[in-house]
Amino acid sequence: MRKSLLSGLYGVYVEEGKIDLDRTLAELEITENTPLTESEKQASVADLLKARSGVYLPAAYETRARAEARPDRGSHAPGEHWHYKNWDFNVLGTIFEQETGTKIHQAFKDEIADPIGMTA
């Protein structure tokens, strides 16, 4: 569910010009504990949203099955291969907050929950 809601929020902020889908991890200065390769740094925000980043690093909350299914690093260039993984969506959360200056939970409340009348 988090991924669908985050994608919806991206649409709002892309339309407002606050997020550029063509910017790369390099341009956004995204780093990792395990340094990204030059190829991985070329993944765009759009690649991440499509689960096509080509970045195959372990991710927070990754299940054993997901870890075992993860392709080898360097096996696919950004945009080339779809592989569902938490890493892309975890980084999208970081990029969202970095580029908008808004926490995801607040953005969801302001842009989606309040306008459609969601209540706790």
N, C-alpha and C. Protein backbone atom coordinates (compact mmCIF):
# COMPACT_ATOMS: atom_id res chain seq x y z
N MET A 1 0.82 -1.18 0.00
CA MET A 1 0.00 0.00 0.00
C MET A 1 0.87 1.26 0.00
N ARG A 2 1.96 1.24 0.73
CA ARG A 2 2.86 2.39 0.81
C ARG A 2 3.34 2.81 -0.57
N LYS A 3 3.63 1.84 -1.41
CA LYS A 3 4.17 2.14 -2.73
C LYS A 3 3.13 2.83 -3.61
N SER A 4 1.89 2.39 -3.55
CA SER A 4 0.82 3.02 -4.32
C SER A 4 0.56 4.45 -3.86
N LEU A 5 0.55 4.65 -2.56
CA LEU A 5 0.31 6.00 -2.03
C LEU A 5 1.47 6.93 -2.37
N LEU A 6 2.68 6.42 -2.28
CA LEU A 6 3.84 7.23 -2.63
C LEU A 6 3.81 7.61 -4.11
N SER A 7 3.43 6.66 -4.96
CA SER A 7 3.32 6.96 -6.39
C SER A 7 2.28 8.05 -6.63
N GLY A 8 1.16 7.99 -5.92
CA GLY A 8 0.14 9.03 -6.05
C GLY A 8 0.66 10.39 -5.63
N LEU A 9 1.42 10.42 -4.56
CA LEU A 9 2.00 11.69 -4.12
C LEU A 9 3.00 12.22 -5.14
N TYR A 10 3.77 11.33 -5.72
CA TYR A 10 4.72 11.77 -6.75
C TYR A 10 3.99 12.49 -7.87
N GLY A 11 2.84 11.97 -8.28
CA GLY A 11 2.08 12.61 -9.35
C GLY A 11 1.75 14.05 -9.04
N VAL A 12 1.33 14.32 -7.81
CA VAL A 12 0.99 15.67 -7.39
C VAL A 12 2.19 16.59 -7.50
N TYR A 13 3.32 16.15 -6.97
CA TYR A 13 4.50 17.00 -6.91
C TYR A 13 5.25 17.10 -8.24
N VAL A 14 5.12 16.09 -9.09
CA VAL A 14 5.66 16.20 -10.44
C VAL A 14 4.87 17.26 -11.20
N GLU A 15 3.54 17.22 -11.08
CA GLU A 15 2.67 18.20 -11.74
C GLU A 15 3.00 19.62 -11.28
N GLU A 16 3.33 19.77 -10.01
CA GLU A 16 3.68 21.09 -9.46
C GLU A 16 5.11 21.50 -9.82
N GLY A 17 5.87 20.63 -10.44
CA GLY A 17 7.23 20.95 -10.84
C GLY A 17 8.25 20.82 -9.71
N LYS A 18 7.88 20.20 -8.60
CA LYS A 18 8.80 20.06 -7.47
C LYS A 18 9.68 18.82 -7.58
N ILE A 19 9.24 17.85 -8.39
CA ILE A 19 10.03 16.64 -8.61
C ILE A 19 10.17 16.46 -10.12
N ASP A 20 11.40 16.21 -10.55
CA ASP A 20 11.70 15.98 -11.96
C ASP A 20 11.99 14.49 -12.14
N LEU A 21 11.15 13.80 -12.89
CA LEU A 21 11.30 12.36 -13.08
C LEU A 21 12.57 11.98 -13.83
N ASP A 22 13.17 12.91 -14.54
CA ASP A 22 14.37 12.62 -15.32
C ASP A 22 15.67 12.76 -14.52
N ARG A 23 15.60 13.32 -13.32
CA ARG A 23 16.83 13.47 -12.54
C ARG A 23 17.35 12.11 -12.11
N THR A 24 18.66 11.99 -12.07
CA THR A 24 19.30 10.73 -11.73
C THR A 24 19.72 10.70 -10.26
N LEU A 25 20.05 9.51 -9.80
CA LEU A 25 20.56 9.37 -8.43
C LEU A 25 21.81 10.21 -8.25
N ALA A 26 22.65 10.29 -9.28
CA ALA A 26 23.86 11.11 -9.20
C ALA A 26 23.48 12.58 -9.03
N GLU A 27 22.56 13.07 -9.85
CA GLU A 27 22.15 14.47 -9.77
C GLU A 27 21.50 14.80 -8.44
N LEU A 28 20.80 13.83 -7.87
CA LEU A 28 20.13 14.03 -6.59
C LEU A 28 21.05 13.79 -5.40
N GLU A 29 22.29 13.39 -5.70
CA GLU A 29 23.32 13.13 -4.69
C GLU A 29 22.89 12.06 -3.69
N ILE A 30 22.26 11.02 -4.22
CA ILE A 30 21.86 9.88 -3.40
C ILE A 30 23.07 8.98 -3.19
N THR A 31 23.35 8.67 -1.94
CA THR A 31 24.47 7.80 -1.60
C THR A 31 23.96 6.63 -0.78
N GLU A 32 24.79 5.64 -0.64
CA GLU A 32 24.46 4.44 0.12
C GLU A 32 25.67 4.03 0.94
N ASN A 33 25.45 3.22 1.96
CA ASN A 33 26.56 2.68 2.73
C ASN A 33 27.49 1.87 1.83
N THR A 34 26.90 1.08 0.95
CA THR A 34 27.64 0.40 -0.11
C THR A 34 27.59 1.35 -1.30
N PRO A 35 28.70 1.94 -1.69
CA PRO A 35 28.66 2.95 -2.75
C PRO A 35 28.01 2.44 -4.04
N LEU A 36 27.23 3.32 -4.66
CA LEU A 36 26.61 3.00 -5.95
C LEU A 36 27.66 3.01 -7.04
N THR A 37 27.47 2.15 -8.02
CA THR A 37 28.36 2.15 -9.18
C THR A 37 27.98 3.33 -10.08
N GLU A 38 28.85 3.64 -11.03
CA GLU A 38 28.55 4.72 -11.97
C GLU A 38 27.28 4.42 -12.76
N SER A 39 27.09 3.18 -13.14
CA SER A 39 25.86 2.80 -13.86
C SER A 39 24.64 2.99 -12.97
N GLU A 40 24.70 2.52 -11.73
CA GLU A 40 23.56 2.65 -10.81
C GLU A 40 23.20 4.11 -10.58
N LYS A 41 24.20 4.97 -10.52
CA LYS A 41 23.96 6.40 -10.30
C LYS A 41 23.17 7.04 -11.44
N GLN A 42 23.08 6.37 -12.59
CA GLN A 42 22.35 6.91 -13.73
C GLN A 42 20.86 6.57 -13.70
N ALA A 43 20.43 5.80 -12.72
CA ALA A 43 18.99 5.50 -12.58
C ALA A 43 18.24 6.80 -12.32
N SER A 44 17.12 6.97 -13.01
CA SER A 44 16.30 8.17 -12.84
C SER A 44 15.17 7.92 -11.85
N VAL A 45 14.55 8.99 -11.42
CA VAL A 45 13.38 8.88 -10.55
C VAL A 45 12.33 8.02 -11.24
N ALA A 46 12.12 8.22 -12.54
CA ALA A 46 11.15 7.41 -13.29
C ALA A 46 11.52 5.94 -13.25
N ASP A 47 12.80 5.61 -13.36
CA ASP A 47 13.24 4.21 -13.28
C ASP A 47 12.86 3.63 -11.91
N LEU A 48 13.07 4.40 -10.86
CA LEU A 48 12.74 3.93 -9.51
C LEU A 48 11.24 3.68 -9.39
N LEU A 49 10.43 4.61 -9.89
CA LEU A 49 8.97 4.46 -9.80
C LEU A 49 8.47 3.23 -10.55
N LYS A 50 9.19 2.83 -11.58
CA LYS A 50 8.82 1.65 -12.38
C LYS A 50 9.51 0.38 -11.90
N ALA A 51 10.24 0.47 -10.78
CA ALA A 51 11.02 -0.67 -10.26
C ALA A 51 11.99 -1.19 -11.32
N ARG A 52 12.64 -0.24 -12.02
CA ARG A 52 13.61 -0.56 -13.07
C ARG A 52 14.93 0.18 -12.86
N SER A 53 15.32 0.37 -11.62
CA SER A 53 16.52 1.16 -11.34
C SER A 53 17.82 0.49 -11.74
N GLY A 54 17.84 -0.83 -11.73
CA GLY A 54 19.10 -1.53 -11.96
C GLY A 54 19.99 -1.55 -10.74
N VAL A 55 19.48 -1.08 -9.60
CA VAL A 55 20.23 -1.10 -8.35
C VAL A 55 19.75 -2.31 -7.56
N TYR A 56 20.66 -3.22 -7.29
CA TYR A 56 20.29 -4.47 -6.62
C TYR A 56 21.06 -4.61 -5.30
N LEU A 57 20.83 -3.67 -4.42
CA LEU A 57 21.42 -3.70 -3.08
C LEU A 57 20.39 -4.23 -2.09
N PRO A 58 20.84 -4.80 -0.98
CA PRO A 58 19.90 -5.19 0.06
C PRO A 58 19.11 -3.97 0.53
N ALA A 59 17.86 -4.21 0.93
CA ALA A 59 16.99 -3.12 1.37
C ALA A 59 16.42 -3.41 2.74
N ALA A 60 16.10 -2.35 3.45
CA ALA A 60 15.43 -2.50 4.74
C ALA A 60 14.12 -3.27 4.53
N TYR A 61 13.82 -4.17 5.43
CA TYR A 61 12.59 -4.95 5.42
C TYR A 61 12.50 -5.92 4.25
N GLU A 62 13.63 -6.27 3.66
CA GLU A 62 13.66 -7.23 2.56
C GLU A 62 13.53 -8.63 3.14
N THR A 63 12.59 -9.40 2.61
CA THR A 63 12.42 -10.77 3.06
C THR A 63 13.54 -11.66 2.51
N ARG A 64 13.68 -12.81 3.10
CA ARG A 64 14.69 -13.76 2.62
C ARG A 64 14.40 -14.14 1.16
N ALA A 65 13.13 -14.37 0.83
CA ALA A 65 12.77 -14.75 -0.55
C ALA A 65 13.14 -13.63 -1.52
N ARG A 66 12.89 -12.38 -1.14
CA ARG A 66 13.24 -11.24 -2.00
C ARG A 66 14.76 -11.15 -2.17
N ALA A 67 15.48 -11.36 -1.09
CA ALA A 67 16.94 -11.30 -1.16
C ALA A 67 17.48 -12.38 -2.09
N GLU A 68 16.91 -13.57 -2.01
CA GLU A 68 17.37 -14.67 -2.86
C GLU A 68 17.02 -14.44 -4.33
N ALA A 69 15.94 -13.71 -4.58
CA ALA A 69 15.50 -13.45 -5.97
C ALA A 69 16.18 -12.22 -6.58
N ARG A 70 16.85 -11.44 -5.74
CA ARG A 70 17.47 -10.21 -6.22
C ARG A 70 18.56 -10.52 -7.25
N PRO A 71 18.52 -9.87 -8.42
CA PRO A 71 19.58 -10.08 -9.42
C PRO A 71 20.94 -9.63 -8.88
N ASP A 72 21.98 -10.10 -9.50
CA ASP A 72 23.33 -9.69 -9.15
C ASP A 72 23.54 -8.23 -9.54
N ARG A 73 24.31 -7.53 -8.74
CA ARG A 73 24.66 -6.14 -9.08
C ARG A 73 25.33 -6.10 -10.44
N GLY A 74 24.96 -5.10 -11.22
CA GLY A 74 25.56 -4.92 -12.53
C GLY A 74 24.96 -5.79 -13.62
N SER A 75 23.98 -6.62 -13.28
CA SER A 75 23.41 -7.53 -14.28
C SER A 75 22.45 -6.82 -15.24
N HIS A 76 21.92 -5.67 -14.85
CA HIS A 76 20.99 -4.92 -15.70
C HIS A 76 21.24 -3.43 -15.53
N ALA A 77 21.22 -2.71 -16.64
CA ALA A 77 21.37 -1.25 -16.60
C ALA A 77 20.06 -0.61 -16.15
N PRO A 78 20.11 0.62 -15.63
CA PRO A 78 18.87 1.32 -15.27
C PRO A 78 17.89 1.37 -16.44
N GLY A 79 16.62 1.11 -16.15
CA GLY A 79 15.57 1.16 -17.15
C GLY A 79 15.42 -0.11 -17.96
N GLU A 80 16.34 -1.04 -17.82
CA GLU A 80 16.39 -2.22 -18.69
C GLU A 80 15.54 -3.39 -18.19
N HIS A 81 15.40 -3.56 -16.88
CA HIS A 81 14.80 -4.78 -16.34
C HIS A 81 13.91 -4.44 -15.14
N TRP A 82 12.70 -4.98 -15.13
CA TRP A 82 11.80 -4.78 -14.00
C TRP A 82 12.13 -5.81 -12.93
N HIS A 83 12.29 -5.33 -11.70
CA HIS A 83 12.46 -6.23 -10.56
C HIS A 83 11.91 -5.51 -9.34
N TYR A 84 10.84 -6.07 -8.78
CA TYR A 84 10.18 -5.46 -7.62
C TYR A 84 11.05 -5.63 -6.38
N LYS A 85 11.34 -4.49 -5.74
CA LYS A 85 12.16 -4.54 -4.54
C LYS A 85 11.94 -3.30 -3.69
N ASN A 86 12.18 -3.45 -2.40
CA ASN A 86 11.99 -2.32 -1.49
C ASN A 86 13.01 -1.21 -1.71
N TRP A 87 14.20 -1.53 -2.19
CA TRP A 87 15.25 -0.51 -2.30
C TRP A 87 14.76 0.69 -3.09
N ASP A 88 14.17 0.46 -4.26
CA ASP A 88 13.71 1.58 -5.09
C ASP A 88 12.72 2.45 -4.33
N PHE A 89 11.77 1.84 -3.65
CA PHE A 89 10.73 2.61 -2.98
C PHE A 89 11.23 3.27 -1.70
N ASN A 90 12.18 2.65 -1.03
CA ASN A 90 12.79 3.31 0.13
C ASN A 90 13.51 4.58 -0.32
N VAL A 91 14.25 4.50 -1.42
CA VAL A 91 14.97 5.66 -1.94
C VAL A 91 13.99 6.72 -2.45
N LEU A 92 12.88 6.28 -3.05
CA LEU A 92 11.87 7.25 -3.49
C LEU A 92 11.34 8.07 -2.32
N GLY A 93 11.22 7.45 -1.15
CA GLY A 93 10.80 8.19 0.03
C GLY A 93 11.81 9.27 0.40
N THR A 94 13.07 8.91 0.35
CA THR A 94 14.14 9.88 0.63
C THR A 94 14.12 11.01 -0.39
N ILE A 95 14.01 10.67 -1.65
CA ILE A 95 13.99 11.69 -2.71
C ILE A 95 12.78 12.59 -2.56
N PHE A 96 11.62 12.02 -2.25
CA PHE A 96 10.41 12.83 -2.09
C PHE A 96 10.62 13.90 -1.03
N GLU A 97 11.08 13.49 0.13
CA GLU A 97 11.26 14.45 1.23
C GLU A 97 12.36 15.45 0.92
N GLN A 98 13.42 15.00 0.27
CA GLN A 98 14.53 15.88 -0.10
C GLN A 98 14.07 16.95 -1.09
N GLU A 99 13.33 16.55 -2.10
CA GLU A 99 12.95 17.46 -3.18
C GLU A 99 11.77 18.36 -2.83
N THR A 100 10.87 17.89 -1.97
CA THR A 100 9.67 18.69 -1.65
C THR A 100 9.81 19.45 -0.34
N GLY A 101 10.72 19.01 0.53
CA GLY A 101 10.82 19.62 1.85
C GLY A 101 9.64 19.24 2.74
N THR A 102 8.91 18.21 2.37
CA THR A 102 7.71 17.79 3.10
C THR A 102 7.85 16.32 3.49
N LYS A 103 7.49 15.99 4.71
CA LYS A 103 7.47 14.60 5.15
C LYS A 103 6.34 13.89 4.43
N ILE A 104 6.55 12.63 4.07
CA ILE A 104 5.56 11.87 3.32
C ILE A 104 4.21 11.82 4.04
N HIS A 105 4.23 11.58 5.34
CA HIS A 105 2.97 11.46 6.08
C HIS A 105 2.17 12.77 6.04
N GLN A 106 2.86 13.89 6.15
CA GLN A 106 2.17 15.18 6.09
C GLN A 106 1.64 15.44 4.68
N ALA A 107 2.43 15.09 3.68
CA ALA A 107 1.99 15.27 2.30
C ALA A 107 0.76 14.42 2.01
N PHE A 108 0.74 13.19 2.51
CA PHE A 108 -0.43 12.34 2.30
C PHE A 108 -1.66 12.96 2.94
N LYS A 109 -1.51 13.45 4.15
CA LYS A 109 -2.65 14.09 4.83
C LYS A 109 -3.14 15.30 4.03
N ASP A 110 -2.21 16.16 3.64
CA ASP A 110 -2.57 17.40 2.96
C ASP A 110 -3.09 17.20 1.55
N GLU A 111 -2.49 16.28 0.82
CA GLU A 111 -2.79 16.14 -0.61
C GLU A 111 -3.84 15.09 -0.94
N ILE A 112 -3.99 14.10 -0.07
CA ILE A 112 -4.91 13.00 -0.37
C ILE A 112 -5.99 12.83 0.71
N ALA A 113 -5.56 12.60 1.95
CA ALA A 113 -6.53 12.28 3.00
C ALA A 113 -7.52 13.41 3.25
N ASP A 114 -7.04 14.62 3.50
CA ASP A 114 -7.97 15.72 3.78
C ASP A 114 -8.88 16.05 2.60
N PRO A 115 -8.34 16.15 1.38
CA PRO A 115 -9.23 16.48 0.25
C PRO A 115 -10.35 15.47 0.00
N ILE A 116 -10.13 14.19 0.30
CA ILE A 116 -11.20 13.22 0.06
C ILE A 116 -12.00 12.90 1.32
N GLY A 117 -11.69 13.60 2.41
CA GLY A 117 -12.48 13.46 3.63
C GLY A 117 -12.15 12.26 4.49
N MET A 118 -10.94 11.74 4.39
CA MET A 118 -10.55 10.61 5.24
C MET A 118 -10.48 11.09 6.69
N THR A 119 -10.91 10.23 7.60
CA THR A 119 -10.82 10.53 9.03
C THR A 119 -10.19 9.33 9.74
N ALA A 120 -9.67 9.61 10.91
CA ALA A 120 -9.02 8.55 11.69
C ALA A 120 -10.03 7.67 12.37
